[in-house]
N, C-alpha and C. Protein backbone atom coordinates (compact mmCIF):
# COMPACT_ATOMS: atom_id res chain seq x y z
N MET A 1 -23.18 14.58 63.50
CA MET A 1 -23.67 15.90 62.83
C MET A 1 -25.24 15.78 62.25
N SER A 2 -26.79 16.42 62.21
CA SER A 2 -27.76 16.02 60.89
C SER A 2 -27.62 16.88 60.20
N ILE A 3 -28.25 17.17 59.09
CA ILE A 3 -28.26 17.06 57.36
C ILE A 3 -28.60 18.92 57.63
N ILE A 4 -29.55 18.73 59.05
CA ILE A 4 -30.07 20.16 58.66
C ILE A 4 -28.32 21.08 58.98
N ARG A 5 -28.14 21.29 60.04
CA ARG A 5 -27.23 21.48 60.45
C ARG A 5 -25.54 21.59 59.98
N ARG A 6 -25.07 20.79 59.06
CA ARG A 6 -24.15 20.42 57.91
C ARG A 6 -24.80 21.69 57.23
N ILE A 7 -25.91 21.75 56.43
CA ILE A 7 -26.52 22.55 55.49
C ILE A 7 -26.99 23.75 56.08
N VAL A 8 -27.33 24.32 56.86
CA VAL A 8 -26.77 24.84 57.76
C VAL A 8 -24.52 25.70 57.56
N PHE A 9 -24.40 24.76 58.42
CA PHE A 9 -23.34 25.28 58.16
C PHE A 9 -22.30 26.71 56.98
N PHE A 10 -23.01 24.95 56.03
CA PHE A 10 -22.48 25.57 54.47
C PHE A 10 -23.00 26.86 54.09
N LEU A 11 -23.74 27.00 54.36
CA LEU A 11 -24.29 28.56 53.34
C LEU A 11 -24.24 29.65 54.58
N LEU A 12 -23.43 29.57 55.69
CA LEU A 12 -22.97 29.93 56.31
C LEU A 12 -22.31 30.37 55.93
N GLN A 13 -21.12 29.44 55.62
CA GLN A 13 -19.11 29.64 54.94
C GLN A 13 -19.67 30.06 53.85
N PHE A 14 -20.31 30.23 52.79
CA PHE A 14 -21.34 30.67 51.68
C PHE A 14 -20.86 31.77 51.56
N VAL A 15 -22.25 32.54 53.06
CA VAL A 15 -22.29 33.94 53.29
C VAL A 15 -21.17 35.00 53.02
N ILE A 16 -20.26 34.10 54.45
CA ILE A 16 -18.63 34.77 54.54
C ILE A 16 -18.06 34.78 53.84
N VAL A 17 -17.74 34.70 52.62
CA VAL A 17 -16.68 34.34 52.19
C VAL A 17 -17.03 35.22 50.98
N THR A 18 -18.30 35.51 50.27
CA THR A 18 -18.89 35.96 49.91
C THR A 18 -19.04 37.62 50.25
N VAL A 19 -19.18 38.07 51.88
CA VAL A 19 -18.42 39.27 51.36
C VAL A 19 -17.25 40.03 52.13
N LEU A 20 -16.58 38.66 52.71
CA LEU A 20 -15.44 39.02 53.28
C LEU A 20 -14.53 39.46 51.83
N ILE A 21 -14.73 38.44 50.86
CA ILE A 21 -14.29 39.03 49.42
C ILE A 21 -14.54 40.28 48.93
N THR A 22 -16.20 40.61 48.34
CA THR A 22 -16.67 42.04 48.72
C THR A 22 -16.07 43.31 49.19
N GLY A 23 -16.28 42.84 50.51
CA GLY A 23 -15.70 44.02 51.44
C GLY A 23 -14.26 44.05 51.32
N LEU A 24 -13.26 42.75 51.21
CA LEU A 24 -11.66 43.32 50.91
C LEU A 24 -11.59 43.41 49.67
N CYS A 25 -12.39 43.95 48.55
CA CYS A 25 -12.35 44.08 46.74
C CYS A 25 -12.71 45.84 46.99
N ALA A 26 -14.08 46.38 47.89
CA ALA A 26 -14.64 47.25 47.66
C ALA A 26 -14.04 48.31 49.23
N GLY A 27 -13.32 47.29 50.27
CA GLY A 27 -11.53 48.51 50.95
C GLY A 27 -11.31 48.08 50.42
N VAL A 28 -10.20 47.98 49.36
CA VAL A 28 -8.90 47.94 48.45
C VAL A 28 -9.71 48.71 47.88
N THR A 29 -10.60 49.70 46.56
CA THR A 29 -10.51 51.07 46.00
C THR A 29 -11.22 51.96 46.70
N LEU A 30 -12.10 51.90 47.83
CA LEU A 30 -11.93 53.09 48.58
C LEU A 30 -11.09 53.41 49.00
N HIS A 31 -9.40 52.18 49.40
CA HIS A 31 -8.29 53.02 49.94
C HIS A 31 -7.08 53.89 48.62
N THR A 32 -8.19 53.74 47.92
CA THR A 32 -6.93 53.82 46.89
C THR A 32 -7.49 55.54 46.29
N PHE A 33 -9.01 55.09 45.26
CA PHE A 33 -9.19 56.30 45.59
C PHE A 33 -10.08 57.54 46.44
N GLY A 34 -10.15 56.51 47.55
CA GLY A 34 -10.34 58.34 49.01
C GLY A 34 -12.11 57.79 49.10
N TRP A 35 -11.97 58.23 50.19
CA TRP A 35 -13.65 57.54 51.15
C TRP A 35 -14.88 58.00 50.04
N GLN A 36 -14.40 59.19 49.98
CA GLN A 36 -15.06 60.66 48.35
C GLN A 36 -15.91 59.46 47.07
N TYR A 37 -15.04 58.41 47.10
CA TYR A 37 -15.34 58.27 45.37
C TYR A 37 -16.81 56.73 45.77
N HIS A 38 -17.29 56.19 47.46
CA HIS A 38 -18.51 55.83 47.16
C HIS A 38 -19.92 56.32 47.30
N LEU A 39 -19.57 57.36 47.03
CA LEU A 39 -20.66 58.20 46.39
C LEU A 39 -20.86 58.66 45.11
N THR A 40 -19.68 58.22 44.55
CA THR A 40 -20.00 57.97 42.55
C THR A 40 -20.90 56.03 42.12
N ALA A 41 -21.51 56.36 40.64
CA ALA A 41 -21.81 55.80 40.79
C ALA A 41 -20.86 54.19 40.26
N GLU A 42 -19.73 54.77 39.43
CA GLU A 42 -18.50 53.64 39.00
C GLU A 42 -18.71 53.71 39.92
N PHE A 43 -18.64 53.64 41.36
CA PHE A 43 -18.07 52.58 43.02
C PHE A 43 -19.61 52.04 42.82
N ALA A 44 -20.92 51.95 42.87
CA ALA A 44 -21.67 51.00 42.59
C ALA A 44 -22.16 49.77 41.54
N GLU A 45 -21.46 50.54 40.85
CA GLU A 45 -20.60 49.52 39.09
C GLU A 45 -19.18 48.66 40.00
N LYS A 46 -18.57 49.00 40.25
CA LYS A 46 -17.93 48.33 40.94
C LYS A 46 -18.23 47.24 41.87
N LEU A 47 -18.72 47.57 42.60
CA LEU A 47 -19.44 47.17 44.00
C LEU A 47 -20.28 46.21 42.88
N HIS A 48 -21.57 46.09 42.07
CA HIS A 48 -21.93 44.87 41.68
C HIS A 48 -20.43 44.21 40.78
N THR A 49 -19.61 44.70 40.41
CA THR A 49 -19.25 43.18 39.72
C THR A 49 -17.84 43.39 41.00
N TYR A 50 -17.65 43.97 41.70
CA TYR A 50 -17.06 42.77 43.22
C TYR A 50 -18.51 41.44 43.52
N PHE A 51 -19.64 42.23 43.97
CA PHE A 51 -20.41 40.96 44.71
C PHE A 51 -20.57 39.84 43.71
N LYS A 52 -20.66 39.80 42.01
CA LYS A 52 -20.24 38.66 41.43
C LYS A 52 -19.25 38.13 41.04
N PHE A 53 -18.48 38.95 41.01
CA PHE A 53 -16.60 38.07 42.20
C PHE A 53 -16.19 37.38 42.90
N GLY A 54 -17.42 37.43 44.54
CA GLY A 54 -17.19 37.51 45.60
C GLY A 54 -18.40 36.13 45.41
N LEU A 55 -19.41 36.20 45.06
CA LEU A 55 -20.35 35.03 45.13
C LEU A 55 -19.16 33.82 43.54
N ALA A 56 -18.88 34.44 42.80
CA ALA A 56 -17.79 33.12 42.33
C ALA A 56 -16.93 32.57 42.99
N VAL A 57 -16.17 33.40 43.55
CA VAL A 57 -14.80 32.32 44.67
C VAL A 57 -15.99 32.20 45.18
N ALA A 58 -15.90 31.95 46.49
CA ALA A 58 -17.56 31.75 47.30
C ALA A 58 -18.41 30.36 46.43
N VAL A 59 -18.10 29.83 45.00
CA VAL A 59 -19.38 28.82 45.13
C VAL A 59 -17.95 28.05 44.96
N LEU A 60 -16.44 28.76 44.14
CA LEU A 60 -14.89 27.35 44.66
C LEU A 60 -14.86 26.68 44.89
N TYR A 61 -15.02 28.16 46.64
CA TYR A 61 -14.56 27.62 47.99
C TYR A 61 -15.36 26.25 48.27
N CYS A 62 -16.95 26.84 48.22
CA CYS A 62 -18.23 25.56 48.85
C CYS A 62 -17.45 24.54 48.01
N LEU A 63 -17.75 24.47 46.61
CA LEU A 63 -17.32 23.28 45.90
C LEU A 63 -15.74 22.40 46.03
N VAL A 64 -15.18 23.02 46.36
CA VAL A 64 -13.70 22.26 46.77
C VAL A 64 -14.02 21.53 48.47
N LEU A 65 -14.92 22.34 49.31
CA LEU A 65 -15.28 21.87 49.98
C LEU A 65 -15.86 21.10 50.57
N LEU A 66 -16.62 20.73 49.67
CA LEU A 66 -18.32 19.28 49.23
C LEU A 66 -17.26 18.35 49.67
N CYS A 67 -16.70 18.22 47.99
CA CYS A 67 -15.90 16.96 47.61
C CYS A 67 -14.88 16.81 48.39
N TYR A 68 -14.68 17.43 49.04
CA TYR A 68 -13.50 17.37 50.33
C TYR A 68 -14.41 16.12 51.47
N ARG A 69 -14.89 16.66 52.14
CA ARG A 69 -15.88 15.44 52.72
C ARG A 69 -16.53 15.10 52.22
N LEU A 70 -16.79 14.50 50.41
CA LEU A 70 -17.04 13.23 50.03
C LEU A 70 -16.19 12.38 49.71
N THR A 71 -15.04 13.25 49.72
CA THR A 71 -13.76 12.18 49.16
C THR A 71 -13.77 11.44 51.05
N ARG A 72 -14.03 12.15 51.52
CA ARG A 72 -13.10 12.28 53.26
C ARG A 72 -14.26 10.65 53.69
N LYS A 73 -15.93 11.04 53.98
CA LYS A 73 -17.08 10.68 53.31
C LYS A 73 -16.88 9.28 53.39
N SER A 74 -16.49 9.11 52.19
CA SER A 74 -15.79 7.39 51.59
C SER A 74 -15.67 6.57 51.75
N LEU A 75 -14.40 7.54 52.23
CA LEU A 75 -12.96 7.01 52.74
C LEU A 75 -12.83 6.65 53.55
N GLU A 76 -13.74 6.70 54.43
CA GLU A 76 -13.58 6.59 55.95
C GLU A 76 -15.35 5.09 56.29
N GLU A 77 -15.71 5.42 55.35
CA GLU A 77 -16.66 4.06 55.28
C GLU A 77 -15.90 2.14 56.02
N PRO A 78 -16.71 2.28 56.82
CA PRO A 78 -16.56 0.56 57.60
C PRO A 78 -16.92 -0.64 56.38
N ASP A 79 -17.81 -0.56 55.63
CA ASP A 79 -18.36 -1.06 54.48
C ASP A 79 -17.24 -1.44 53.35
N ASP A 80 -15.92 -0.54 53.25
CA ASP A 80 -15.34 0.02 52.05
C ASP A 80 -14.20 -1.39 51.57
N THR A 81 -14.35 -2.10 50.43
CA THR A 81 -13.45 -2.73 49.77
C THR A 81 -12.08 -1.95 49.32
N PRO A 82 -11.63 -2.55 48.73
CA PRO A 82 -10.41 -1.67 48.64
C PRO A 82 -11.39 -1.62 46.81
N TRP A 83 -10.12 -0.71 46.24
CA TRP A 83 -10.54 -0.60 44.53
C TRP A 83 -10.10 -1.36 43.86
N ILE A 84 -8.35 -1.91 43.99
CA ILE A 84 -8.49 -3.66 43.22
C ILE A 84 -8.29 -4.38 44.10
N ASN A 85 -8.94 -4.74 43.75
CA ASN A 85 -9.55 -6.67 44.62
C ASN A 85 -8.36 -7.52 44.35
N PRO A 86 -7.57 -8.30 45.02
CA PRO A 86 -6.86 -9.11 45.01
C PRO A 86 -7.60 -10.64 43.42
N ASP A 87 -8.50 -10.68 44.94
CA ASP A 87 -9.50 -11.92 44.47
C ASP A 87 -10.21 -11.74 42.93
N ASN A 88 -10.22 -10.51 42.98
CA ASN A 88 -10.22 -10.39 41.08
C ASN A 88 -9.74 -10.69 40.55
N ILE A 89 -8.21 -10.59 40.68
CA ILE A 89 -7.58 -10.61 39.33
C ILE A 89 -7.55 -12.23 39.16
């Protein structure tokens, strides 16, 4: 897989997680307070907070995903020597 394709896929996952978390939080808030609540200034402030929360969750998710991929790649190297080499003891 080319590096450009991986970066685009990574950014797409970041955007999807951010939108999903923000939309989920906004949906629960609108379900709780009613549809007319979206016209208030309080909802705009909450939506801004939900967006920040969505970004934080997306950053953590992508960090875990990146660490997993790097670890998997390092373990699948063909020239990988074991960490504990009996010849060096």
